[in-house]
PDB file of N, CA and C in Angstrom:
ATOM      1  N   UNK A   1     -72.806 143.807 -89.953  1.00  0.00           N
ATOM      2  CA  UNK A   1     -71.374 143.073 -90.572  1.00  0.00           C
ATOM      3  C   UNK A   1     -72.322 141.538 -90.153  1.00  0.00           C
ATOM      4  N   UNK A   2     -71.176 140.444 -90.536  1.00  0.00           N
ATOM      5  CA  UNK A   2     -71.404 139.202 -90.306  1.00  0.00           C
ATOM      6  C   UNK A   2     -71.035 138.436 -89.361  1.00  0.00           C
ATOM      7  N   UNK A   3     -71.330 137.862 -88.451  1.00  0.00           N
ATOM      8  CA  UNK A   3     -70.847 137.165 -87.312  1.00  0.00           C
ATOM      9  C   UNK A   3     -70.829 135.525 -87.765  1.00  0.00           C
ATOM     10  N   UNK A   4     -69.914 134.820 -87.063  1.00  0.00           N
ATOM     11  CA  UNK A   4     -70.301 133.385 -86.789  1.00  0.00           C
ATOM     12  C   UNK A   4     -70.335 133.296 -85.824  1.00  0.00           C
ATOM     13  N   UNK A   5     -71.448 132.213 -85.241  1.00  0.00           N
ATOM     14  CA  UNK A   5     -71.989 132.158 -83.880  1.00  0.00           C
ATOM     15  C   UNK A   5     -71.914 130.677 -83.505  1.00  0.00           C
ATOM     16  N   UNK A   6     -71.253 130.403 -82.552  1.00  0.00           N
ATOM     17  CA  UNK A   6     -70.949 129.047 -82.199  1.00  0.00           C
ATOM     18  C   UNK A   6     -71.822 128.988 -80.535  1.00  0.00           C
ATOM     19  N   UNK A   7     -72.661 127.806 -80.440  1.00  0.00           N
ATOM     20  CA  UNK A   7     -73.728 127.625 -79.142  1.00  0.00           C
ATOM     21  C   UNK A   7     -73.837 126.167 -79.595  1.00  0.00           C
ATOM     22  N   UNK A   8     -74.575 126.247 -78.341  1.00  0.00           N
ATOM     23  CA  UNK A   8     -75.444 125.213 -77.869  1.00  0.00           C
ATOM     24  C   UNK A   8     -76.603 125.212 -77.937  1.00  0.00           C
ATOM     25  N   UNK A   9     -77.466 124.854 -79.043  1.00  0.00           N
ATOM     26  CA  UNK A   9     -78.812 125.216 -78.929  1.00  0.00           C
ATOM     27  C   UNK A   9     -79.765 124.076 -79.965  1.00  0.00           C
ATOM     28  N   UNK A  10     -80.827 124.130 -80.377  1.00  0.00           N
ATOM     29  CA  UNK A  10     -81.863 123.297 -81.686  1.00  0.00           C
ATOM     30  C   UNK A  10     -82.429 124.783 -82.568  1.00  0.00           C
ATOM     31  N   UNK A  11     -82.808 123.669 -83.340  1.00  0.00           N
ATOM     32  CA  UNK A  11     -83.849 124.634 -84.435  1.00  0.00           C
ATOM     33  C   UNK A  11     -84.977 124.609 -84.067  1.00  0.00           C
ATOM     34  N   UNK A  12     -85.282 125.878 -84.600  1.00  0.00           N
ATOM     35  CA  UNK A  12     -86.430 126.310 -83.877  1.00  0.00           C
ATOM     36  C   UNK A  12     -87.573 124.864 -84.145  1.00  0.00           C
ATOM     37  N   UNK A  13     -88.749 124.670 -83.293  1.00  0.00           N
ATOM     38  CA  UNK A  13     -89.712 123.868 -83.295  1.00  0.00           C
ATOM     39  C   UNK A  13     -89.158 122.410 -83.434  1.00  0.00           C
ATOM     40  N   UNK A  14     -88.045 122.225 -83.177  1.00  0.00           N
ATOM     41  CA  UNK A  14     -87.355 120.789 -82.792  1.00  0.00           C
ATOM     42  C   UNK A  14     -87.962 120.402 -81.885  1.00  0.00           C
ATOM     43  N   UNK A  15     -87.653 118.865 -81.509  1.00  0.00           N
ATOM     44  CA  UNK A  15     -88.025 118.142 -80.278  1.00  0.00           C
ATOM     45  C   UNK A  15     -86.878 117.367 -80.284  1.00  0.00           C
ATOM     46  N   UNK A  16     -86.274 117.294 -79.028  1.00  0.00           N
ATOM     47  CA  UNK A  16     -85.025 116.672 -78.797  1.00  0.00           C
ATOM     48  C   UNK A  16     -84.184 117.534 -78.125  1.00  0.00           C
ATOM     49  N   UNK A  17     -83.005 116.732 -78.400  1.00  0.00           N
ATOM     50  CA  UNK A  17     -81.539 117.427 -77.062  1.00  0.00           C
ATOM     51  C   UNK A  17     -81.197 118.535 -77.906  1.00  0.00           C
ATOM     52  N   UNK A  18     -80.822 119.366 -77.566  1.00  0.00           N
ATOM     53  CA  UNK A  18     -79.619 120.558 -77.515  1.00  0.00           C
ATOM     54  C   UNK A  18     -78.335 119.889 -78.215  1.00  0.00           C
ATOM     55  N   UNK A  19     -77.845 120.584 -79.272  1.00  0.00           N
ATOM     56  CA  UNK A  19     -76.386 120.375 -79.901  1.00  0.00           C
ATOM     57  C   UNK A  19     -75.371 121.371 -80.371  1.00  0.00           C
ATOM     58  N   UNK A  20     -74.057 121.027 -80.238  1.00  0.00           N
ATOM     59  CA  UNK A  20     -73.274 122.214 -81.102  1.00  0.00           C
ATOM     60  C   UNK A  20     -73.827 122.464 -82.364  1.00  0.00           C
ATOM     61  N   UNK A  21     -73.575 123.725 -82.457  1.00  0.00           N
ATOM     62  CA  UNK A  21     -74.391 124.393 -83.861  1.00  0.00           C
ATOM     63  C   UNK A  21     -73.289 125.438 -83.870  1.00  0.00           C
ATOM     64  N   UNK A  22     -72.545 125.343 -85.088  1.00  0.00           N
ATOM     65  CA  UNK A  22     -71.821 126.782 -85.670  1.00  0.00           C
ATOM     66  C   UNK A  22     -72.573 127.543 -86.940  1.00  0.00           C
ATOM     67  N   UNK A  23     -73.164 128.740 -87.147  1.00  0.00           N
ATOM     68  CA  UNK A  23     -74.088 129.284 -88.169  1.00  0.00           C
ATOM     69  C   UNK A  23     -73.456 130.533 -88.378  1.00  0.00           C
ATOM     70  N   UNK A  24     -73.831 130.990 -89.218  1.00  0.00           N
ATOM     71  CA  UNK A  24     -73.857 132.415 -89.707  1.00  0.00           C
ATOM     72  C   UNK A  24     -74.689 133.535 -89.476  1.00  0.00           C
ATOM     73  N   UNK A  25     -74.750 134.448 -88.714  1.00  0.00           N
ATOM     74  CA  UNK A  25     -75.711 135.792 -88.392  1.00  0.00           C
ATOM     75  C   UNK A  25     -75.213 137.098 -88.531  1.00  0.00           C
ATOM     76  N   UNK A  26     -75.932 137.739 -88.974  1.00  0.00           N
ATOM     77  CA  UNK A  26     -75.548 138.942 -89.016  1.00  0.00           C
ATOM     78  C   UNK A  26     -76.449 139.971 -88.067  1.00  0.00           C
ATOM     79  N   UNK A  27     -75.828 141.390 -87.849  1.00  0.00           N
ATOM     80  CA  UNK A  27     -76.548 142.696 -86.995  1.00  0.00           C
ATOM     81  C   UNK A  27     -75.750 143.613 -87.095  1.00  0.00           C
ATOM     82  N   UNK A  28     -76.058 144.854 -86.799  1.00  0.00           N
ATOM     83  CA  UNK A  28     -75.332 145.947 -86.817  1.00  0.00           C
ATOM     84  C   UNK A  28     -73.939 146.203 -85.293  1.00  0.00           C
ATOM     85  N   UNK A  29     -74.520 144.920 -84.548  1.00  0.00           N
ATOM     86  CA  UNK A  29     -73.667 144.731 -83.297  1.00  0.00           C
ATOM     87  C   UNK A  29     -73.780 143.412 -82.851  1.00  0.00           C
ATOM     88  N   UNK A  30     -73.047 142.929 -81.904  1.00  0.00           N
ATOM     89  CA  UNK A  30     -72.928 141.876 -81.366  1.00  0.00           C
ATOM     90  C   UNK A  30     -74.399 141.147 -80.346  1.00  0.00           C
ATOM     91  N   UNK A  31     -75.150 141.893 -80.148  1.00  0.00           N
ATOM     92  CA  UNK A  31     -76.662 141.838 -79.442  1.00  0.00           C
ATOM     93  C   UNK A  31     -77.746 141.582 -80.572  1.00  0.00           C
ATOM     94  N   UNK A  32     -77.660 142.674 -81.815  1.00  0.00           N
ATOM     95  CA  UNK A  32     -78.439 142.113 -82.574  1.00  0.00           C
ATOM     96  C   UNK A  32     -78.432 141.138 -83.862  1.00  0.00           C
ATOM     97  N   UNK A  33     -76.923 140.430 -83.493  1.00  0.00           N
ATOM     98  CA  UNK A  33     -76.686 139.439 -84.176  1.00  0.00           C
ATOM     99  C   UNK A  33     -76.970 138.292 -83.194  1.00  0.00           C
ATOM    100  N   UNK A  34     -77.066 138.201 -82.127  1.00  0.00           N
ATOM    101  CA  UNK A  34     -77.514 137.486 -81.510  1.00  0.00           C
ATOM    102  C   UNK A  34     -78.954 137.141 -81.629  1.00  0.00           C
ATOM    103  N   UNK A  35     -79.561 138.236 -81.148  1.00  0.00           N
ATOM    104  CA  UNK A  35     -81.239 138.195 -81.663  1.00  0.00           C
ATOM    105  C   UNK A  35     -81.570 137.587 -82.690  1.00  0.00           C
ATOM    106  N   UNK A  36     -80.857 137.897 -83.942  1.00  0.00           N
ATOM    107  CA  UNK A  36     -81.424 137.277 -85.215  1.00  0.00           C
ATOM    108  C   UNK A  36     -81.031 135.629 -85.195  1.00  0.00           C
ATOM    109  N   UNK A  37     -80.147 134.906 -84.429  1.00  0.00           N
ATOM    110  CA  UNK A  37     -80.171 133.825 -84.403  1.00  0.00           C
ATOM    111  C   UNK A  37     -81.652 133.050 -84.006  1.00  0.00           C
ATOM    112  N   UNK A  38     -82.271 133.900 -83.226  1.00  0.00           N
ATOM    113  CA  UNK A  38     -83.386 133.004 -82.718  1.00  0.00           C
ATOM    114  C   UNK A  38     -84.643 132.868 -83.630  1.00  0.00           C
ATOM    115  N   UNK A  39     -84.578 133.771 -84.868  1.00  0.00           N
ATOM    116  CA  UNK A  39     -85.179 133.045 -86.311  1.00  0.00           C
ATOM    117  C   UNK A  39     -85.303 131.970 -86.663  1.00  0.00           C
ATOM    118  N   UNK A  40     -83.762 131.417 -86.228  1.00  0.00           N
ATOM    119  CA  UNK A  40     -83.777 129.993 -86.513  1.00  0.00           C
ATOM    120  C   UNK A  40     -83.407 129.042 -85.502  1.00  0.00           C
ATOM    121  N   UNK A  41     -83.370 129.259 -83.942  1.00  0.00           N
ATOM    122  CA  UNK A  41     -82.710 128.296 -83.550  1.00  0.00           C
ATOM    123  C   UNK A  41     -83.130 128.796 -81.976  1.00  0.00           C
ATOM    124  N   UNK A  42     -83.662 127.911 -81.134  1.00  0.00           N
ATOM    125  CA  UNK A  42     -83.776 127.897 -79.628  1.00  0.00           C
ATOM    126  C   UNK A  42     -83.160 127.402 -78.820  1.00  0.00           C
ATOM    127  N   UNK A  43     -83.340 127.669 -77.578  1.00  0.00           N
ATOM    128  CA  UNK A  43     -82.980 127.057 -76.355  1.00  0.00           C
ATOM    129  C   UNK A  43     -81.184 127.352 -76.590  1.00  0.00           C
ATOM    130  N   UNK A  44     -80.781 128.477 -77.035  1.00  0.00           N
ATOM    131  CA  UNK A  44     -79.105 128.969 -77.059  1.00  0.00           C
ATOM    132  C   UNK A  44     -78.190 129.375 -75.972  1.00  0.00           C
ATOM    133  N   UNK A  45     -77.633 129.091 -75.550  1.00  0.00           N
ATOM    134  CA  UNK A  45     -76.302 129.029 -74.539  1.00  0.00           C
ATOM    135  C   UNK A  45     -75.221 128.772 -74.677  1.00  0.00           C
ATOM    136  N   UNK A  46     -74.086 129.375 -74.275  1.00  0.00           N
ATOM    137  CA  UNK A  46     -72.802 129.288 -74.416  1.00  0.00           C
ATOM    138  C   UNK A  46     -72.256 129.783 -75.858  1.00  0.00           C
ATOM    139  N   UNK A  47     -73.304 130.639 -75.992  1.00  0.00           N
ATOM    140  CA  UNK A  47     -72.860 131.582 -77.417  1.00  0.00           C
ATOM    141  C   UNK A  47     -71.525 132.353 -77.320  1.00  0.00           C
ATOM    142  N   UNK A  48     -70.802 131.889 -78.532  1.00  0.00           N
ATOM    143  CA  UNK A  48     -69.518 132.908 -79.010  1.00  0.00           C
ATOM    144  C   UNK A  48     -69.779 133.270 -80.726  1.00  0.00           C
ATOM    145  N   UNK A  49     -69.778 134.252 -80.521  1.00  0.00           N
ATOM    146  CA  UNK A  49     -69.806 135.426 -81.863  1.00  0.00           C
ATOM    147  C   UNK A  49     -67.980 135.922 -81.962  1.00  0.00           C
ATOM    148  N   UNK A  50     -68.169 135.432 -83.606  1.00  0.00           N
ATOM    149  CA  UNK A  50     -66.745 135.827 -84.015  1.00  0.00           C
ATOM    150  C   UNK A  50     -67.021 136.957 -85.043  1.00  0.00           C
ATOM    151  N   UNK A  51     -66.556 137.919 -85.330  1.00  0.00           N
ATOM    152  CA  UNK A  51     -66.606 138.683 -86.588  1.00  0.00           C
ATOM    153  C   UNK A  51     -66.242 138.029 -87.952  1.00  0.00           C
ATOM    154  N   UNK A  52     -66.970 138.046 -88.802  1.00  0.00           N
ATOM    155  CA  UNK A  52     -66.568 137.194 -89.973  1.00  0.00           C
ATOM    156  C   UNK A  52     -66.023 138.251 -90.837  1.00  0.00           C
ATOM    157  N   UNK A  53     -65.011 138.333 -91.551  1.00  0.00           N
ATOM    158  CA  UNK A  53     -64.497 139.155 -92.361  1.00  0.00           C
ATOM    159  C   UNK A  53     -63.729 137.807 -93.884  1.00  0.00           C
ATOM    160  N   UNK A  54     -63.743 139.059 -94.925  1.00  0.00           N
ATOM    161  CA  UNK A  54     -63.823 138.171 -95.975  1.00  0.00           C
ATOM    162  C   UNK A  54     -63.130 138.656 -96.840  1.00  0.00           C
ATOM    163  N   UNK A  55     -62.078 137.748 -97.728  1.00  0.00           N
ATOM    164  CA  UNK A  55     -61.273 138.892 -98.645  1.00  0.00           C
ATOM    165  C   UNK A  55     -61.573 139.730 -99.559  1.00  0.00           C
ATOM    166  N   UNK A  56     -61.123 140.665 -99.971  1.00  0.00           N
ATOM    167  CA  UNK A  56     -61.851 141.447-100.925  1.00  0.00           C
ATOM    168  C   UNK A  56     -63.448 142.292-100.471  1.00  0.00           C
ATOM    169  N   UNK A  57     -63.249 142.513 -98.786  1.00  0.00           N
ATOM    170  CA  UNK A  57     -64.682 142.863 -98.714  1.00  0.00           C
ATOM    171  C   UNK A  57     -64.288 144.566 -98.924  1.00  0.00           C
ATOM    172  N   UNK A  58     -65.725 145.108 -99.224  1.00  0.00           N
ATOM    173  CA  UNK A  58     -65.736 146.341 -99.691  1.00  0.00           C
ATOM    174  C   UNK A  58     -65.447 147.517 -98.745  1.00  0.00           C
ATOM    175  N   UNK A  59     -64.998 147.036 -97.521  1.00  0.00           N
ATOM    176  CA  UNK A  59     -64.812 148.303 -96.486  1.00  0.00           C
ATOM    177  C   UNK A  59     -63.032 147.685 -96.450  1.00  0.00           C
ATOM    178  N   UNK A  60     -62.698 147.325 -97.270  1.00  0.00           N
ATOM    179  CA  UNK A  60     -61.224 147.349 -96.936  1.00  0.00           C
ATOM    180  C   UNK A  60     -60.565 147.965 -98.141  1.00  0.00           C
ATOM    181  N   UNK A  61     -59.286 148.782 -97.408  1.00  0.00           N
ATOM    182  CA  UNK A  61     -59.199 150.329 -98.235  1.00  0.00           C
ATOM    183  C   UNK A  61     -57.288 150.311 -98.610  1.00  0.00           C
ATOM    184  N   UNK A  62     -56.989 150.506 -99.151  1.00  0.00           N
ATOM    185  CA  UNK A  62     -55.455 150.744 -99.147  1.00  0.00           C
ATOM    186  C   UNK A  62     -54.603 151.178 -97.649  1.00  0.00           C
ATOM    187  N   UNK A  63     -55.748 151.961 -97.348  1.00  0.00           N
ATOM    188  CA  UNK A  63     -54.917 152.895 -96.041  1.00  0.00           C
ATOM    189  C   UNK A  63     -55.118 151.774 -94.639  1.00  0.00           C
ATOM    190  N   UNK A  64     -55.499 150.872 -95.029  1.00  0.00           N
ATOM    191  CA  UNK A  64     -56.087 149.852 -93.932  1.00  0.00           C
ATOM    192  C   UNK A  64     -54.666 149.644 -92.969  1.00  0.00           C
ATOM    193  N   UNK A  65     -55.028 149.567 -91.636  1.00  0.00           N
ATOM    194  CA  UNK A  65     -53.239 149.085 -91.005  1.00  0.00           C
ATOM    195  C   UNK A  65     -54.335 147.539 -90.085  1.00  0.00           C
ATOM    196  N   UNK A  66     -52.722 146.783 -90.340  1.00  0.00           N
ATOM    197  CA  UNK A  66     -52.984 145.903 -89.449  1.00  0.00           C
ATOM    198  C   UNK A  66     -51.724 145.891 -88.711  1.00  0.00           C
ATOM    199  N   UNK A  67     -51.738 145.008 -87.661  1.00  0.00           N
ATOM    200  CA  UNK A  67     -51.146 144.548 -86.497  1.00  0.00           C
ATOM    201  C   UNK A  67     -49.267 145.061 -87.052  1.00  0.00           C
ATOM    202  N   UNK A  68     -49.098 144.555 -88.614  1.00  0.00           N
ATOM    203  CA  UNK A  68     -47.945 145.063 -88.475  1.00  0.00           C
ATOM    204  C   UNK A  68     -47.716 146.458 -89.025  1.00  0.00           C
ATOM    205  N   UNK A  69     -48.664 147.026 -89.633  1.00  0.00           N
ATOM    206  CA  UNK A  69     -48.734 148.066 -90.513  1.00  0.00           C
ATOM    207  C   UNK A  69     -48.627 148.078 -92.084  1.00  0.00           C
ATOM    208  N   UNK A  70     -48.294 146.426 -92.296  1.00  0.00           N
ATOM    209  CA  UNK A  70     -48.102 146.536 -93.999  1.00  0.00           C
ATOM    210  C   UNK A  70     -48.817 145.184 -94.108  1.00  0.00           C
ATOM    211  N   UNK A  71     -49.592 145.011 -95.236  1.00  0.00           N
ATOM    212  CA  UNK A  71     -49.998 143.658 -95.967  1.00  0.00           C
ATOM    213  C   UNK A  71     -48.828 143.020 -96.537  1.00  0.00           C
ATOM    214  N   UNK A  72     -49.053 141.694 -96.710  1.00  0.00           N
ATOM    215  CA  UNK A  72     -48.036 140.787 -97.243  1.00  0.00           C
ATOM    216  C   UNK A  72     -47.098 141.390 -98.531  1.00  0.00           C
ATOM    217  N   UNK A  73     -47.506 141.988 -98.349  1.00  0.00           N
ATOM    218  CA  UNK A  73     -47.186 142.777 -99.892  1.00  0.00           C
ATOM    219  C   UNK A  73     -46.154 144.088 -99.622  1.00  0.00           C
ATOM    220  N   UNK A  74     -46.162 144.382 -98.550  1.00  0.00           N
ATOM    221  CA  UNK A  74     -45.670 145.321 -97.979  1.00  0.00           C
ATOM    222  C   UNK A  74     -46.384 147.211 -97.742  1.00  0.00           C
ATOM    223  N   UNK A  75     -47.660 147.148 -98.267  1.00  0.00           N
ATOM    224  CA  UNK A  75     -48.603 148.211 -98.977  1.00  0.00           C
ATOM    225  C   UNK A  75     -49.599 148.491 -97.420  1.00  0.00           C
ATOM    226  N   UNK A  76     -49.553 149.966 -96.978  1.00  0.00           N
ATOM    227  CA  UNK A  76     -50.066 150.361 -95.757  1.00  0.00           C
ATOM    228  C   UNK A  76     -51.492 149.856 -95.545  1.00  0.00           C
ATOM    229  N   UNK A  77     -52.151 149.427 -94.926  1.00  0.00           N
ATOM    230  CA  UNK A  77     -53.392 149.071 -94.820  1.00  0.00           C
ATOM    231  C   UNK A  77     -54.009 149.926 -93.607  1.00  0.00           C
ATOM    232  N   UNK A  78     -55.567 149.753 -93.907  1.00  0.00           N
ATOM    233  CA  UNK A  78     -56.571 150.509 -92.889  1.00  0.00           C
ATOM    234  C   UNK A  78     -57.632 149.651 -92.469  1.00  0.00           C
ATOM    235  N   UNK A  79     -58.329 149.634 -91.437  1.00  0.00           N
ATOM    236  CA  UNK A  79     -59.408 148.435 -91.128  1.00  0.00           C
ATOM    237  C   UNK A  79     -60.567 149.821 -90.998  1.00  0.00           C
ATOM    238  N   UNK A  80     -61.564 149.381 -91.841  1.00  0.00           N
ATOM    239  CA  UNK A  80     -63.141 150.494 -91.244  1.00  0.00           C
ATOM    240  C   UNK A  80     -63.953 149.619 -90.874  1.00  0.00           C
ATOM    241  N   UNK A  81     -64.886 149.716 -89.739  1.00  0.00           N
ATOM    242  CA  UNK A  81     -65.659 148.924 -89.244  1.00  0.00           C
ATOM    243  C   UNK A  81     -66.915 149.190 -89.334  1.00  0.00           C
ATOM    244  N   UNK A  82     -68.178 148.755 -90.087  1.00  0.00           N
ATOM    245  CA  UNK A  82     -69.204 149.499 -90.388  1.00  0.00           C
ATOM    246  C   UNK A  82     -70.179 149.312 -89.183  1.00  0.00           C
TER     247      UNK A  82
END
């Protein structure tokens, strides 16, 4: 699953101050996604992970359910998480 990570840190090997970063990461769960950030960044703190959902994603089926139980077109929907 893909996540959008927002955190304070810096690129690996960079010298200087940490700063606010927003980056895309991936993992089977949030812990794995968090660990994958360390391939590119260091001194990570104040991290917030948000699942990234894209339109037309392959796991979206006509049976997916949303809070209203319908799509904007009135079709029932169902969400499957991998």
